[in-house]
Amino acid sequence: MAIDVICGMKVKEDTNIRSEFKGKTYYFCSEHCKKEFDRNPIKYTR
């Protein structure tokens, strides 16, 4: 299981809702969380 860095929910790593940033994959519970991350990934990866 992965943790959605936006909302903190547990997410299965086989989800299609994901983004890559600096060589790491981030998984999300919804498109809303993915879009929020994609707007400003540095805010959520410190």
PDB file of N, CA and C in Angstrom:
ATOM      1  N   MET A   1       0.836  -1.188   0.000  1.00  0.00           N
ATOM      2  CA  MET A   1       0.000   0.000   0.000  1.00  0.00           C
ATOM      3  C   MET A   1       0.881   1.252   0.000  1.00  0.00           C
ATOM      4  N   ALA A   2       0.397   2.255  -0.678  1.00  0.00           N
ATOM      5  CA  ALA A   2       1.064   3.554  -0.694  1.00  0.00           C
ATOM      6  C   ALA A   2       0.160   4.545   0.045  1.00  0.00           C
ATOM      7  N   ILE A   3       0.705   5.703   0.344  1.00  0.00           N
ATOM      8  CA  ILE A   3      -0.059   6.758   0.995  1.00  0.00           C
ATOM      9  C   ILE A   3      -0.206   7.924   0.018  1.00  0.00           C
ATOM     10  N   ASP A   4      -1.422   8.369  -0.177  1.00  0.00           N
ATOM     11  CA  ASP A   4      -1.699   9.546  -0.996  1.00  0.00           C
ATOM     12  C   ASP A   4      -1.127  10.755  -0.240  1.00  0.00           C
ATOM     13  N   VAL A   5      -0.146  11.435  -0.841  1.00  0.00           N
ATOM     14  CA  VAL A   5       0.538  12.539  -0.145  1.00  0.00           C
ATOM     15  C   VAL A   5      -0.345  13.768   0.009  1.00  0.00           C
ATOM     16  N   ILE A   6      -1.474  13.823  -0.667  1.00  0.00           N
ATOM     17  CA  ILE A   6      -2.379  14.961  -0.555  1.00  0.00           C
ATOM     18  C   ILE A   6      -3.317  14.796   0.636  1.00  0.00           C
ATOM     19  N   CYS A   7      -3.985  13.650   0.714  1.00  0.00           N
ATOM     20  CA  CYS A   7      -5.017  13.473   1.745  1.00  0.00           C
ATOM     21  C   CYS A   7      -4.670  12.451   2.818  1.00  0.00           C
ATOM     22  N   GLY A   8      -3.597  11.670   2.593  1.00  0.00           N
ATOM     23  CA  GLY A   8      -3.175  10.703   3.595  1.00  0.00           C
ATOM     24  C   GLY A   8      -3.854   9.349   3.523  1.00  0.00           C
ATOM     25  N   MET A   9      -4.733   9.146   2.551  1.00  0.00           N
ATOM     26  CA  MET A   9      -5.418   7.855   2.423  1.00  0.00           C
ATOM     27  C   MET A   9      -4.462   6.777   1.943  1.00  0.00           C
ATOM     28  N   LYS A  10      -4.730   5.535   2.342  1.00  0.00           N
ATOM     29  CA  LYS A  10      -3.988   4.395   1.811  1.00  0.00           C
ATOM     30  C   LYS A  10      -4.507   4.093   0.414  1.00  0.00           C
ATOM     31  N   VAL A  11      -3.566   3.801  -0.503  1.00  0.00           N
ATOM     32  CA  VAL A  11      -3.912   3.566  -1.900  1.00  0.00           C
ATOM     33  C   VAL A  11      -3.165   2.335  -2.390  1.00  0.00           C
ATOM     34  N   LYS A  12      -3.854   1.472  -3.130  1.00  0.00           N
ATOM     35  CA  LYS A  12      -3.185   0.318  -3.731  1.00  0.00           C
ATOM     36  C   LYS A  12      -2.272   0.795  -4.846  1.00  0.00           C
ATOM     37  N   GLU A  13      -1.105   0.202  -4.934  1.00  0.00           N
ATOM     38  CA  GLU A  13      -0.123   0.623  -5.934  1.00  0.00           C
ATOM     39  C   GLU A  13      -0.474   0.170  -7.349  1.00  0.00           C
ATOM     40  N   ASP A  14      -1.533  -0.588  -7.513  1.00  0.00           N
ATOM     41  CA  ASP A  14      -1.952  -0.970  -8.864  1.00  0.00           C
ATOM     42  C   ASP A  14      -2.949   0.028  -9.468  1.00  0.00           C
ATOM     43  N   THR A  15      -3.172   1.140  -8.767  1.00  0.00           N
ATOM     44  CA  THR A  15      -4.063   2.174  -9.291  1.00  0.00           C
ATOM     45  C   THR A  15      -3.453   2.845 -10.522  1.00  0.00           C
ATOM     46  N   ASN A  16      -4.302   3.311 -11.402  1.00  0.00           N
ATOM     47  CA  ASN A  16      -3.841   4.055 -12.579  1.00  0.00           C
ATOM     48  C   ASN A  16      -3.686   5.536 -12.287  1.00  0.00           C
ATOM     49  N   ILE A  17      -4.097   5.959 -11.105  1.00  0.00           N
ATOM     50  CA  ILE A  17      -4.013   7.372 -10.738  1.00  0.00           C
ATOM     51  C   ILE A  17      -2.675   7.579 -10.039  1.00  0.00           C
ATOM     52  N   ARG A  18      -1.687   8.000 -10.826  1.00  0.00           N
ATOM     53  CA  ARG A  18      -0.329   8.137 -10.311  1.00  0.00           C
ATOM     54  C   ARG A  18       0.419   9.209 -11.072  1.00  0.00           C
ATOM     55  N   SER A  19       1.488   9.694 -10.474  1.00  0.00           N
ATOM     56  CA  SER A  19       2.374  10.669 -11.115  1.00  0.00           C
ATOM     57  C   SER A  19       3.809  10.305 -10.788  1.00  0.00           C
ATOM     58  N   GLU A  20       4.703  10.687 -11.678  1.00  0.00           N
ATOM     59  CA  GLU A  20       6.141  10.520 -11.462  1.00  0.00           C
ATOM     60  C   GLU A  20       6.732  11.893 -11.168  1.00  0.00           C
ATOM     61  N   PHE A  21       7.629  11.950 -10.192  1.00  0.00           N
ATOM     62  CA  PHE A  21       8.328  13.192  -9.896  1.00  0.00           C
ATOM     63  C   PHE A  21       9.711  12.848  -9.377  1.00  0.00           C
ATOM     64  N   LYS A  22      10.723  13.359 -10.055  1.00  0.00           N
ATOM     65  CA  LYS A  22      12.129  13.119  -9.692  1.00  0.00           C
ATOM     66  C   LYS A  22      12.423  11.634  -9.500  1.00  0.00           C
ATOM     67  N   GLY A  23      11.901  10.814 -10.414  1.00  0.00           N
ATOM     68  CA  GLY A  23      12.190   9.387 -10.414  1.00  0.00           C
ATOM     69  C   GLY A  23      11.401   8.558  -9.419  1.00  0.00           C
ATOM     70  N   LYS A  24      10.454   9.160  -8.715  1.00  0.00           N
ATOM     71  CA  LYS A  24       9.636   8.431  -7.754  1.00  0.00           C
ATOM     72  C   LYS A  24       8.177   8.466  -8.201  1.00  0.00           C
ATOM     73  N   THR A  25       7.475   7.361  -7.970  1.00  0.00           N
ATOM     74  CA  THR A  25       6.058   7.284  -8.312  1.00  0.00           C
ATOM     75  C   THR A  25       5.221   7.609  -7.088  1.00  0.00           C
ATOM     76  N   TYR A  26       4.223   8.454  -7.287  1.00  0.00           N
ATOM     77  CA  TYR A  26       3.273   8.828  -6.240  1.00  0.00           C
ATOM     78  C   TYR A  26       1.896   8.354  -6.663  1.00  0.00           C
ATOM     79  N   TYR A  27       1.147   7.786  -5.712  1.00  0.00           N
ATOM     80  CA  TYR A  27      -0.155   7.184  -5.983  1.00  0.00           C
ATOM     81  C   TYR A  27      -1.242   7.994  -5.285  1.00  0.00           C
ATOM     82  N   PHE A  28      -2.420   8.077  -5.937  1.00  0.00           N
ATOM     83  CA  PHE A  28      -3.488   8.924  -5.431  1.00  0.00           C
ATOM     84  C   PHE A  28      -4.821   8.193  -5.380  1.00  0.00           C
ATOM     85  N   CYS A  29      -5.684   8.648  -4.471  1.00  0.00           N
ATOM     86  CA  CYS A  29      -7.002   8.035  -4.309  1.00  0.00           C
ATOM     87  C   CYS A  29      -7.995   8.554  -5.342  1.00  0.00           C
ATOM     88  N   SER A  30      -7.713   9.731  -5.913  1.00  0.00           N
ATOM     89  CA  SER A  30      -8.650  10.333  -6.864  1.00  0.00           C
ATOM     90  C   SER A  30      -7.904  11.234  -7.842  1.00  0.00           C
ATOM     91  N   GLU A  31      -8.590  11.567  -8.931  1.00  0.00           N
ATOM     92  CA  GLU A  31      -8.022  12.504  -9.904  1.00  0.00           C
ATOM     93  C   GLU A  31      -7.829  13.880  -9.258  1.00  0.00           C
ATOM     94  N   HIS A  32      -8.709  14.238  -8.345  1.00  0.00           N
ATOM     95  CA  HIS A  32      -8.582  15.527  -7.651  1.00  0.00           C
ATOM     96  C   HIS A  32      -7.237  15.620  -6.927  1.00  0.00           C
ATOM     97  N   CYS A  33      -6.880  14.588  -6.180  1.00  0.00           N
ATOM     98  CA  CYS A  33      -5.599  14.600  -5.459  1.00  0.00           C
ATOM     99  C   CYS A  33      -4.425  14.613  -6.439  1.00  0.00           C
ATOM    100  N   LYS A  34      -4.540  13.862  -7.514  1.00  0.00           N
ATOM    101  CA  LYS A  34      -3.465  13.844  -8.526  1.00  0.00           C
ATOM    102  C   LYS A  34      -3.270  15.230  -9.130  1.00  0.00           C
ATOM    103  N   LYS A  35      -4.353  15.899  -9.480  1.00  0.00           N
ATOM    104  CA  LYS A  35      -4.262  17.234 -10.072  1.00  0.00           C
ATOM    105  C   LYS A  35      -3.634  18.222  -9.090  1.00  0.00           C
ATOM    106  N   GLU A  36      -3.999  18.118  -7.830  1.00  0.00           N
ATOM    107  CA  GLU A  36      -3.419  18.996  -6.801  1.00  0.00           C
ATOM    108  C   GLU A  36      -1.905  18.776  -6.723  1.00  0.00           C
ATOM    109  N   PHE A  37      -1.473  17.531  -6.723  1.00  0.00           N
ATOM    110  CA  PHE A  37      -0.050  17.201  -6.696  1.00  0.00           C
ATOM    111  C   PHE A  37       0.655  17.724  -7.944  1.00  0.00           C
ATOM    112  N   ASP A  38       0.060  17.485  -9.103  1.00  0.00           N
ATOM    113  CA  ASP A  38       0.682  17.881 -10.373  1.00  0.00           C
ATOM    114  C   ASP A  38       0.850  19.394 -10.492  1.00  0.00           C
ATOM    115  N   ARG A  39      -0.006  20.160  -9.833  1.00  0.00           N
ATOM    116  CA  ARG A  39       0.111  21.625  -9.863  1.00  0.00           C
ATOM    117  C   ARG A  39       1.360  22.114  -9.141  1.00  0.00           C
ATOM    118  N   ASN A  40       1.737  21.417  -8.056  1.00  0.00           N
ATOM    119  CA  ASN A  40       2.869  21.871  -7.253  1.00  0.00           C
ATOM    120  C   ASN A  40       3.500  20.700  -6.498  1.00  0.00           C
ATOM    121  N   PRO A  41       4.183  19.776  -7.200  1.00  0.00           N
ATOM    122  CA  PRO A  41       4.724  18.574  -6.545  1.00  0.00           C
ATOM    123  C   PRO A  41       5.755  18.877  -5.457  1.00  0.00           C
ATOM    124  N   ILE A  42       6.500  19.957  -5.596  1.00  0.00           N
ATOM    125  CA  ILE A  42       7.516  20.284  -4.596  1.00  0.00           C
ATOM    126  C   ILE A  42       6.887  20.509  -3.225  1.00  0.00           C
ATOM    127  N   LYS A  43       5.696  21.085  -3.202  1.00  0.00           N
ATOM    128  CA  LYS A  43       4.987  21.340  -1.936  1.00  0.00           C
ATOM    129  C   LYS A  43       4.741  20.037  -1.161  1.00  0.00           C
ATOM    130  N   TYR A  44       4.532  18.942  -1.874  1.00  0.00           N
ATOM    131  CA  TYR A  44       4.156  17.678  -1.241  1.00  0.00           C
ATOM    132  C   TYR A  44       5.292  16.669  -1.137  1.00  0.00           C
ATOM    133  N   THR A  45       6.488  17.035  -1.581  1.00  0.00           N
ATOM    134  CA  THR A  45       7.602  16.070  -1.556  1.00  0.00           C
ATOM    135  C   THR A  45       8.767  16.536  -0.712  1.00  0.00           C
ATOM    136  N   ARG A  46       8.604  17.499   0.106  1.00  0.00           N
ATOM    137  CA  ARG A  46       9.684  17.987   0.979  1.00  0.00           C
ATOM    138  C   ARG A  46       9.960  17.042   2.097  1.00  0.00           C
TER     139      ARG A  46
END
